[in-house]
Amino acid sequence: MLHASSKSSMLEGLQQAFGVVVEKSIEINEPADLTEAWLSAEVYGQAPSASGASATLTAKAAPRGGRRLIRKPKEPSAAEE
């Protein structure tokens, strides 16, 4: 756990001394908030599945806006002219 005032200097020191680049940092308020499921979701973008299978399926994108019902204008018939 790092205090906010020393975070940037520690990250710079890691990069200069060891060449370590930190791509993502996580901040929590309570140690109880840090669970394995939450950490996996933050790091990998998804929670681990119970069956062990990868949950990489994606749904189709929803259509944007309502349906547009466009009717062609009626052509004048010979009887109406």
PDB file of N, CA and C in Angstrom:
ATOM      1  N   MET A   1       0.848  -1.164   0.000  1.00  0.00           N
ATOM      2  CA  MET A   1       0.000   0.000   0.000  1.00  0.00           C
ATOM      3  C   MET A   1       0.900   1.235   0.000  1.00  0.00           C
ATOM      4  N   LEU A   2       0.568   2.174  -0.852  1.00  0.00           N
ATOM      5  CA  LEU A   2       1.342   3.404  -0.971  1.00  0.00           C
ATOM      6  C   LEU A   2       0.479   4.610  -0.657  1.00  0.00           C
ATOM      7  N   HIS A   3       1.092   5.592  -0.077  1.00  0.00           N
ATOM      8  CA  HIS A   3       0.408   6.855   0.141  1.00  0.00           C
ATOM      9  C   HIS A   3       0.440   7.636  -1.161  1.00  0.00           C
ATOM     10  N   ALA A   4      -0.562   8.423  -1.438  1.00  0.00           N
ATOM     11  CA  ALA A   4      -0.686   9.142  -2.700  1.00  0.00           C
ATOM     12  C   ALA A   4       0.489  10.091  -2.955  1.00  0.00           C
ATOM     13  N   SER A   5       1.062  10.663  -1.899  1.00  0.00           N
ATOM     14  CA  SER A   5       2.154  11.623  -2.087  1.00  0.00           C
ATOM     15  C   SER A   5       3.455  10.956  -2.521  1.00  0.00           C
ATOM     16  N   SER A   6       3.628   9.672  -2.266  1.00  0.00           N
ATOM     17  CA  SER A   6       4.873   8.988  -2.638  1.00  0.00           C
ATOM     18  C   SER A   6       4.707   8.084  -3.864  1.00  0.00           C
ATOM     19  N   LYS A   7       3.511   8.015  -4.415  1.00  0.00           N
ATOM     20  CA  LYS A   7       3.236   7.104  -5.516  1.00  0.00           C
ATOM     21  C   LYS A   7       4.036   7.445  -6.772  1.00  0.00           C
ATOM     22  N   SER A   8       4.015   8.705  -7.196  1.00  0.00           N
ATOM     23  CA  SER A   8       4.682   9.070  -8.445  1.00  0.00           C
ATOM     24  C   SER A   8       6.194   8.895  -8.363  1.00  0.00           C
ATOM     25  N   SER A   9       6.808   9.254  -7.234  1.00  0.00           N
ATOM     26  CA  SER A   9       8.259   9.093  -7.105  1.00  0.00           C
ATOM     27  C   SER A   9       8.657   7.623  -7.075  1.00  0.00           C
ATOM     28  N   MET A  10       7.843   6.770  -6.475  1.00  0.00           N
ATOM     29  CA  MET A  10       8.134   5.342  -6.453  1.00  0.00           C
ATOM     30  C   MET A  10       8.019   4.746  -7.851  1.00  0.00           C
ATOM     31  N   LEU A  11       7.004   5.153  -8.615  1.00  0.00           N
ATOM     32  CA  LEU A  11       6.845   4.652  -9.974  1.00  0.00           C
ATOM     33  C   LEU A  11       7.986   5.103 -10.880  1.00  0.00           C
ATOM     34  N   GLU A  12       8.437   6.336 -10.737  1.00  0.00           N
ATOM     35  CA  GLU A  12       9.578   6.828 -11.507  1.00  0.00           C
ATOM     36  C   GLU A  12      10.848   6.073 -11.143  1.00  0.00           C
ATOM     37  N   GLY A  13      11.033   5.794  -9.860  1.00  0.00           N
ATOM     38  CA  GLY A  13      12.207   5.037  -9.415  1.00  0.00           C
ATOM     39  C   GLY A  13      12.219   3.623  -9.964  1.00  0.00           C
ATOM     40  N   LEU A  14      11.061   2.970  -9.997  1.00  0.00           N
ATOM     41  CA  LEU A  14      10.968   1.626 -10.576  1.00  0.00           C
ATOM     42  C   LEU A  14      11.325   1.638 -12.060  1.00  0.00           C
ATOM     43  N   GLN A  15      10.844   2.649 -12.765  1.00  0.00           N
ATOM     44  CA  GLN A  15      11.106   2.721 -14.184  1.00  0.00           C
ATOM     45  C   GLN A  15      12.582   2.986 -14.464  1.00  0.00           C
ATOM     46  N   GLN A  16      13.201   3.877 -13.717  1.00  0.00           N
ATOM     47  CA  GLN A  16      14.606   4.212 -13.948  1.00  0.00           C
ATOM     48  C   GLN A  16      15.538   3.083 -13.513  1.00  0.00           C
ATOM     49  N   ALA A  17      15.282   2.481 -12.363  1.00  0.00           N
ATOM     50  CA  ALA A  17      16.193   1.475 -11.825  1.00  0.00           C
ATOM     51  C   ALA A  17      16.043   0.116 -12.505  1.00  0.00           C
ATOM     52  N   PHE A  18      14.807  -0.306 -12.748  1.00  0.00           N
ATOM     53  CA  PHE A  18      14.588  -1.665 -13.238  1.00  0.00           C
ATOM     54  C   PHE A  18      13.936  -1.738 -14.611  1.00  0.00           C
ATOM     55  N   GLY A  19      13.520  -0.606 -15.155  1.00  0.00           N
ATOM     56  CA  GLY A  19      12.854  -0.615 -16.451  1.00  0.00           C
ATOM     57  C   GLY A  19      11.416  -1.107 -16.386  1.00  0.00           C
ATOM     58  N   VAL A  20      10.827  -1.094 -15.199  1.00  0.00           N
ATOM     59  CA  VAL A  20       9.449  -1.552 -15.015  1.00  0.00           C
ATOM     60  C   VAL A  20       8.496  -0.410 -15.378  1.00  0.00           C
ATOM     61  N   VAL A  21       7.541  -0.707 -16.242  1.00  0.00           N
ATOM     62  CA  VAL A  21       6.536   0.285 -16.627  1.00  0.00           C
ATOM     63  C   VAL A  21       5.194  -0.174 -16.077  1.00  0.00           C
ATOM     64  N   VAL A  22       4.578   0.662 -15.255  1.00  0.00           N
ATOM     65  CA  VAL A  22       3.273   0.353 -14.672  1.00  0.00           C
ATOM     66  C   VAL A  22       2.211   0.911 -15.598  1.00  0.00           C
ATOM     67  N   GLU A  23       1.408   0.018 -16.187  1.00  0.00           N
ATOM     68  CA  GLU A  23       0.385   0.433 -17.134  1.00  0.00           C
ATOM     69  C   GLU A  23      -0.944   0.747 -16.469  1.00  0.00           C
ATOM     70  N   LYS A  24      -1.190   0.150 -15.318  1.00  0.00           N
ATOM     71  CA  LYS A  24      -2.469   0.358 -14.652  1.00  0.00           C
ATOM     72  C   LYS A  24      -2.251   0.361 -13.147  1.00  0.00           C
ATOM     73  N   SER A  25      -2.877   1.309 -12.476  1.00  0.00           N
ATOM     74  CA  SER A  25      -2.806   1.336 -11.015  1.00  0.00           C
ATOM     75  C   SER A  25      -4.227   1.247 -10.460  1.00  0.00           C
ATOM     76  N   ILE A  26      -4.338   0.698  -9.282  1.00  0.00           N
ATOM     77  CA  ILE A  26      -5.638   0.464  -8.667  1.00  0.00           C
ATOM     78  C   ILE A  26      -5.664   1.171  -7.314  1.00  0.00           C
ATOM     79  N   GLU A  27      -6.753   1.862  -7.043  1.00  0.00           N
ATOM     80  CA  GLU A  27      -6.922   2.531  -5.756  1.00  0.00           C
ATOM     81  C   GLU A  27      -8.165   1.990  -5.070  1.00  0.00           C
ATOM     82  N   ILE A  28      -8.023   1.621  -3.807  1.00  0.00           N
ATOM     83  CA  ILE A  28      -9.153   1.156  -3.009  1.00  0.00           C
ATOM     84  C   ILE A  28      -9.152   1.905  -1.691  1.00  0.00           C
ATOM     85  N   ASN A  29     -10.315   1.971  -1.051  1.00  0.00           N
ATOM     86  CA  ASN A  29     -10.441   2.660   0.227  1.00  0.00           C
ATOM     87  C   ASN A  29     -10.287   1.716   1.407  1.00  0.00           C
ATOM     88  N   GLU A  30     -10.845   0.543   1.303  1.00  0.00           N
ATOM     89  CA  GLU A  30     -10.828  -0.427   2.390  1.00  0.00           C
ATOM     90  C   GLU A  30     -10.158  -1.718   1.924  1.00  0.00           C
ATOM     91  N   PRO A  31      -9.317  -2.328   2.744  1.00  0.00           N
ATOM     92  CA  PRO A  31      -8.710  -3.605   2.359  1.00  0.00           C
ATOM     93  C   PRO A  31      -9.740  -4.703   2.086  1.00  0.00           C
ATOM     94  N   ALA A  32     -10.915  -4.612   2.702  1.00  0.00           N
ATOM     95  CA  ALA A  32     -11.955  -5.614   2.475  1.00  0.00           C
ATOM     96  C   ALA A  32     -12.522  -5.526   1.057  1.00  0.00           C
ATOM     97  N   ASP A  33     -12.343  -4.375   0.397  1.00  0.00           N
ATOM     98  CA  ASP A  33     -12.828  -4.215  -0.971  1.00  0.00           C
ATOM     99  C   ASP A  33     -12.000  -5.003  -1.982  1.00  0.00           C
ATOM    100  N   LEU A  34     -10.797  -5.375  -1.612  1.00  0.00           N
ATOM    101  CA  LEU A  34      -9.891  -6.076  -2.509  1.00  0.00           C
ATOM    102  C   LEU A  34     -10.153  -7.578  -2.437  1.00  0.00           C
ATOM    103  N   THR A  35     -10.894  -8.082  -3.419  1.00  0.00           N
ATOM    104  CA  THR A  35     -11.178  -9.512  -3.502  1.00  0.00           C
ATOM    105  C   THR A  35     -10.562 -10.059  -4.787  1.00  0.00           C
ATOM    106  N   GLU A  36     -10.435 -11.363  -4.869  1.00  0.00           N
ATOM    107  CA  GLU A  36      -9.851 -11.976  -6.063  1.00  0.00           C
ATOM    108  C   GLU A  36     -10.702 -11.712  -7.303  1.00  0.00           C
ATOM    109  N   ALA A  37     -12.016 -11.803  -7.154  1.00  0.00           N
ATOM    110  CA  ALA A  37     -12.911 -11.567  -8.289  1.00  0.00           C
ATOM    111  C   ALA A  37     -12.822 -10.122  -8.763  1.00  0.00           C
ATOM    112  N   TRP A  38     -12.780  -9.172  -7.843  1.00  0.00           N
ATOM    113  CA  TRP A  38     -12.700  -7.758  -8.208  1.00  0.00           C
ATOM    114  C   TRP A  38     -11.363  -7.455  -8.879  1.00  0.00           C
ATOM    115  N   LEU A  39     -10.288  -7.998  -8.339  1.00  0.00           N
ATOM    116  CA  LEU A  39      -8.958  -7.772  -8.893  1.00  0.00           C
ATOM    117  C   LEU A  39      -8.841  -8.374 -10.294  1.00  0.00           C
ATOM    118  N   SER A  40      -9.380  -9.573 -10.496  1.00  0.00           N
ATOM    119  CA  SER A  40      -9.363 -10.197 -11.823  1.00  0.00           C
ATOM    120  C   SER A  40     -10.152  -9.374 -12.826  1.00  0.00           C
ATOM    121  N   ALA A  41     -11.294  -8.853 -12.395  1.00  0.00           N
ATOM    122  CA  ALA A  41     -12.107  -8.025 -13.281  1.00  0.00           C
ATOM    123  C   ALA A  41     -11.379  -6.735 -13.647  1.00  0.00           C
ATOM    124  N   GLU A  42     -10.650  -6.141 -12.720  1.00  0.00           N
ATOM    125  CA  GLU A  42      -9.919  -4.912 -12.989  1.00  0.00           C
ATOM    126  C   GLU A  42      -8.719  -5.147 -13.902  1.00  0.00           C
ATOM    127  N   VAL A  43      -7.998  -6.225 -13.677  1.00  0.00           N
ATOM    128  CA  VAL A  43      -6.777  -6.478 -14.435  1.00  0.00           C
ATOM    129  C   VAL A  43      -7.079  -7.062 -15.814  1.00  0.00           C
ATOM    130  N   TYR A  44      -7.949  -8.070 -15.851  1.00  0.00           N
ATOM    131  CA  TYR A  44      -8.205  -8.777 -17.098  1.00  0.00           C
ATOM    132  C   TYR A  44      -9.476  -8.340 -17.804  1.00  0.00           C
ATOM    133  N   GLY A  45     -10.310  -7.534 -17.168  1.00  0.00           N
ATOM    134  CA  GLY A  45     -11.508  -7.022 -17.800  1.00  0.00           C
ATOM    135  C   GLY A  45     -12.730  -7.895 -17.632  1.00  0.00           C
ATOM    136  N   GLN A  46     -12.622  -9.034 -16.983  1.00  0.00           N
ATOM    137  CA  GLN A  46     -13.780  -9.889 -16.760  1.00  0.00           C
ATOM    138  C   GLN A  46     -13.527 -10.737 -15.518  1.00  0.00           C
ATOM    139  N   ALA A  47     -14.588 -11.153 -14.887  1.00  0.00           N
ATOM    140  CA  ALA A  47     -14.483 -12.002 -13.715  1.00  0.00           C
ATOM    141  C   ALA A  47     -14.224 -13.442 -14.160  1.00  0.00           C
ATOM    142  N   PRO A  48     -13.498 -14.223 -13.374  1.00  0.00           N
ATOM    143  CA  PRO A  48     -13.280 -15.610 -13.753  1.00  0.00           C
ATOM    144  C   PRO A  48     -14.589 -16.383 -13.725  1.00  0.00           C
ATOM    145  N   SER A  49     -14.785 -17.256 -14.698  1.00  0.00           N
ATOM    146  CA  SER A  49     -16.029 -18.013 -14.761  1.00  0.00           C
ATOM    147  C   SER A  49     -15.935 -19.246 -13.881  1.00  0.00           C
ATOM    148  N   ALA A  50     -17.073 -19.675 -13.352  1.00  0.00           N
ATOM    149  CA  ALA A  50     -17.101 -20.820 -12.445  1.00  0.00           C
ATOM    150  C   ALA A  50     -16.814 -22.124 -13.171  1.00  0.00           C
ATOM    151  N   SER A  51     -17.198 -22.239 -14.444  1.00  0.00           N
ATOM    152  CA  SER A  51     -17.001 -23.481 -15.183  1.00  0.00           C
ATOM    153  C   SER A  51     -15.597 -23.590 -15.762  1.00  0.00           C
ATOM    154  N   GLY A  52     -14.838 -22.522 -15.723  1.00  0.00           N
ATOM    155  CA  GLY A  52     -13.493 -22.545 -16.267  1.00  0.00           C
ATOM    156  C   GLY A  52     -13.457 -22.187 -17.749  1.00  0.00           C
ATOM    157  N   ALA A  53     -14.587 -22.126 -18.396  1.00  0.00           N
ATOM    158  CA  ALA A  53     -14.647 -21.776 -19.813  1.00  0.00           C
ATOM    159  C   ALA A  53     -14.515 -20.262 -19.961  1.00  0.00           C
ATOM    160  N   SER A  54     -13.920 -19.874 -21.025  1.00  0.00           N
ATOM    161  CA  SER A  54     -13.739 -18.447 -21.273  1.00  0.00           C
ATOM    162  C   SER A  54     -15.049 -17.825 -21.724  1.00  0.00           C
ATOM    163  N   ALA A  55     -15.383 -16.688 -21.152  1.00  0.00           N
ATOM    164  CA  ALA A  55     -16.629 -16.000 -21.480  1.00  0.00           C
ATOM    165  C   ALA A  55     -16.341 -14.880 -22.463  1.00  0.00           C
ATOM    166  N   THR A  56     -15.896 -15.246 -23.667  1.00  0.00           N
ATOM    167  CA  THR A  56     -15.509 -14.240 -24.647  1.00  0.00           C
ATOM    168  C   THR A  56     -16.584 -13.982 -25.684  1.00  0.00           C
ATOM    169  N   LEU A  57     -17.744 -14.585 -25.547  1.00  0.00           N
ATOM    170  CA  LEU A  57     -18.808 -14.357 -26.507  1.00  0.00           C
ATOM    171  C   LEU A  57     -19.362 -12.953 -26.334  1.00  0.00           C
ATOM    172  N   THR A  58     -19.650 -12.334 -27.441  1.00  0.00           N
ATOM    173  CA  THR A  58     -20.215 -10.991 -27.375  1.00  0.00           C
ATOM    174  C   THR A  58     -21.583 -10.995 -28.039  1.00  0.00           C
ATOM    175  N   ALA A  59     -22.435 -10.138 -27.576  1.00  0.00           N
ATOM    176  CA  ALA A  59     -23.781 -10.027 -28.125  1.00  0.00           C
ATOM    177  C   ALA A  59     -23.757  -9.089 -29.331  1.00  0.00           C
ATOM    178  N   LYS A  60     -24.765  -9.211 -30.177  1.00  0.00           N
ATOM    179  CA  LYS A  60     -24.872  -8.299 -31.312  1.00  0.00           C
ATOM    180  C   LYS A  60     -25.186  -6.901 -30.796  1.00  0.00           C
ATOM    181  N   ALA A  61     -24.693  -5.941 -31.497  1.00  0.00           N
ATOM    182  CA  ALA A  61     -24.950  -4.556 -31.113  1.00  0.00           C
ATOM    183  C   ALA A  61     -26.420  -4.226 -31.320  1.00  0.00           C
ATOM    184  N   ALA A  62     -26.975  -3.494 -30.396  1.00  0.00           N
ATOM    185  CA  ALA A  62     -28.375  -3.096 -30.493  1.00  0.00           C
ATOM    186  C   ALA A  62     -28.523  -2.053 -31.591  1.00  0.00           C
ATOM    187  N   PRO A  63     -29.645  -2.068 -32.314  1.00  0.00           N
ATOM    188  CA  PRO A  63     -29.844  -1.046 -33.338  1.00  0.00           C
ATOM    189  C   PRO A  63     -29.984   0.320 -32.690  1.00  0.00           C
ATOM    190  N   ARG A  64     -29.501   1.310 -33.364  1.00  0.00           N
ATOM    191  CA  ARG A  64     -29.553   2.661 -32.814  1.00  0.00           C
ATOM    192  C   ARG A  64     -30.792   3.363 -33.320  1.00  0.00           C
ATOM    193  N   GLY A  65     -31.538   3.914 -32.410  1.00  0.00           N
ATOM    194  CA  GLY A  65     -32.751   4.631 -32.778  1.00  0.00           C
ATOM    195  C   GLY A  65     -33.909   3.685 -33.011  1.00  0.00           C
ATOM    196  N   GLY A  66     -35.081   4.241 -33.213  1.00  0.00           N
ATOM    197  CA  GLY A  66     -36.265   3.433 -33.453  1.00  0.00           C
ATOM    198  C   GLY A  66     -36.339   2.962 -34.898  1.00  0.00           C
ATOM    199  N   ARG A  67     -37.270   2.103 -35.144  1.00  0.00           N
ATOM    200  CA  ARG A  67     -37.460   1.628 -36.511  1.00  0.00           C
ATOM    201  C   ARG A  67     -38.004   2.757 -37.370  1.00  0.00           C
ATOM    202  N   ARG A  68     -37.547   2.802 -38.570  1.00  0.00           N
ATOM    203  CA  ARG A  68     -38.034   3.820 -39.493  1.00  0.00           C
ATOM    204  C   ARG A  68     -38.907   3.130 -40.536  1.00  0.00           C
ATOM    205  N   LEU A  69     -40.134   3.523 -40.582  1.00  0.00           N
ATOM    206  CA  LEU A  69     -41.063   2.980 -41.559  1.00  0.00           C
ATOM    207  C   LEU A  69     -41.234   4.021 -42.656  1.00  0.00           C
ATOM    208  N   ILE A  70     -40.677   3.724 -43.787  1.00  0.00           N
ATOM    209  CA  ILE A  70     -40.728   4.659 -44.894  1.00  0.00           C
ATOM    210  C   ILE A  70     -41.567   4.033 -45.995  1.00  0.00           C
ATOM    211  N   ARG A  71     -42.568   4.747 -46.385  1.00  0.00           N
ATOM    212  CA  ARG A  71     -43.428   4.272 -47.465  1.00  0.00           C
ATOM    213  C   ARG A  71     -43.131   5.081 -48.708  1.00  0.00           C
ATOM    214  N   LYS A  72     -43.166   4.393 -49.808  1.00  0.00           N
ATOM    215  CA  LYS A  72     -42.974   5.077 -51.076  1.00  0.00           C
ATOM    216  C   LYS A  72     -44.246   5.843 -51.400  1.00  0.00           C
ATOM    217  N   PRO A  73     -44.103   6.999 -51.999  1.00  0.00           N
ATOM    218  CA  PRO A  73     -45.319   7.745 -52.374  1.00  0.00           C
ATOM    219  C   PRO A  73     -46.088   6.971 -53.440  1.00  0.00           C
ATOM    220  N   LYS A  74     -47.388   7.050 -53.319  1.00  0.00           N
ATOM    221  CA  LYS A  74     -48.245   6.348 -54.285  1.00  0.00           C
ATOM    222  C   LYS A  74     -48.121   7.016 -55.634  1.00  0.00           C
ATOM    223  N   GLU A  75     -48.030   6.193 -56.650  1.00  0.00           N
ATOM    224  CA  GLU A  75     -47.993   6.726 -58.009  1.00  0.00           C
ATOM    225  C   GLU A  75     -49.431   6.976 -58.462  1.00  0.00           C
ATOM    226  N   PRO A  76     -49.652   8.062 -59.116  1.00  0.00           N
ATOM    227  CA  PRO A  76     -51.032   8.325 -59.574  1.00  0.00           C
ATOM    228  C   PRO A  76     -51.440   7.286 -60.629  1.00  0.00           C
ATOM    229  N   SER A  77     -52.611   6.753 -60.444  1.00  0.00           N
ATOM    230  CA  SER A  77     -53.114   5.776 -61.417  1.00  0.00           C
ATOM    231  C   SER A  77     -53.841   6.501 -62.550  1.00  0.00           C
ATOM    232  N   ALA A  78     -54.138   5.782 -63.586  1.00  0.00           N
ATOM    233  CA  ALA A  78     -54.802   6.370 -64.751  1.00  0.00           C
ATOM    234  C   ALA A  78     -56.206   6.842 -64.419  1.00  0.00           C
ATOM    235  N   ALA A  79     -56.908   6.199 -63.461  1.00  0.00           N
ATOM    236  CA  ALA A  79     -58.276   6.561 -63.104  1.00  0.00           C
ATOM    237  C   ALA A  79     -58.318   7.855 -62.325  1.00  0.00           C
ATOM    238  N   GLU A  80     -57.265   8.186 -61.535  1.00  0.00           N
ATOM    239  CA  GLU A  80     -57.263   9.380 -60.702  1.00  0.00           C
ATOM    240  C   GLU A  80     -56.923  10.619 -61.479  1.00  0.00           C
ATOM    241  N   GLU A  81     -56.296  10.497 -62.628  1.00  0.00           N
ATOM    242  CA  GLU A  81     -55.884  11.676 -63.410  1.00  0.00           C
ATOM    243  C   GLU A  81     -56.991  12.279 -64.098  1.00  0.00           C
TER     244      GLU A  81
END
